[in-house]
């Protein structure tokens, strides 16, 4: 008999927060799924599994997309489903090659909208230079779904010898952020709730594979990368700190947040550090490579606000993320218990 290590008295049912990228999701994975499925690939706690077959190194990943609304300023669920999985492969240092696609469609869903989403998927695949080589479709009764859910899995090839993962992070490394944060989450929530901000905030949804490819071609010794989706910049860095067993120090004034996004966050009571992104990532690498990384990322439209935002300063004793503001005061950055914005990706 298998005993469930999750305290049933605290969690008799799944909450929406269990899927939010925060503490509850990490507890669910760490205390329920991980003990049952643990193996050498999952133990690396990366965006995908890296494995070898026939002397060739591959990366494999999967993700599901349940965003509401399906169409939002700057993108839609179709592009998101392609870019999200492509970006996870890129964070493993892989060149994305092939995707699978699974569609769960609710009875009554508009055929016109399904066509629009499918066209977005086709265009996104062309943009990323990947192909969907297998797929599946299921239809559920009206009222048993929410329009459309999509799952995509992806496989890519790794053509270098770097061990890109949180466990490769070293003391003295620099942390580079590829651009401004928070736009995706605010774009989605403003569209969902019809908030009517004076300026339209457009999602940053974009593929990252070509930026990563340029970094690798330049011979950068990348130690770790992570794209900033659910839970935002804060949660991604907390996960890296815990897995790498290092302390990360951030400098708040170097973290780019657009004025309209910051204003929207203040109105809504959100912290941009925890708002989802779909076209931003962090790179952790040697100090000597930091300026070169910023220059390469800044050469792309989606990376023009790239900057060094912090460094790896501590050892196994801490596993913290600490942020200093412009006045020199420090605070610990932790994960939210749940999430600020559900159904965001």
Foldseek 3Di string as FASTA:
>chain_A
DDDQQPPCVVDVDDDLQCPQLFDNVCCCCVRGVCVVDPDPQVLLVALFGWDDDPNFIKTKHKDKAQFPPQDWFAAGVLLLQLQVQLQSRVQQVFQWAEKEKEKEAEPPADPVVVVVSVVSNVVNCVVSVYYYDYYYYHYDYHPPGDGMMMMMMTMGTHDDDARAGLQQFDAQWFKKKQAAFQQLQLRRVCVNVVVDDVDRRHALADHCNVLSVVCVVVVFRWHGKDAAFRQAQLSVLLVSLQSNLFEKEFEVVLHHHDPSSVVSCVVLVHDRRGHGHNLMMMIIGHPVCQVVSLVSSCVDPSRVSMDTTTGTHGHNPPSWYWYAYPVRDIDTRHTDSGGPDGSSD
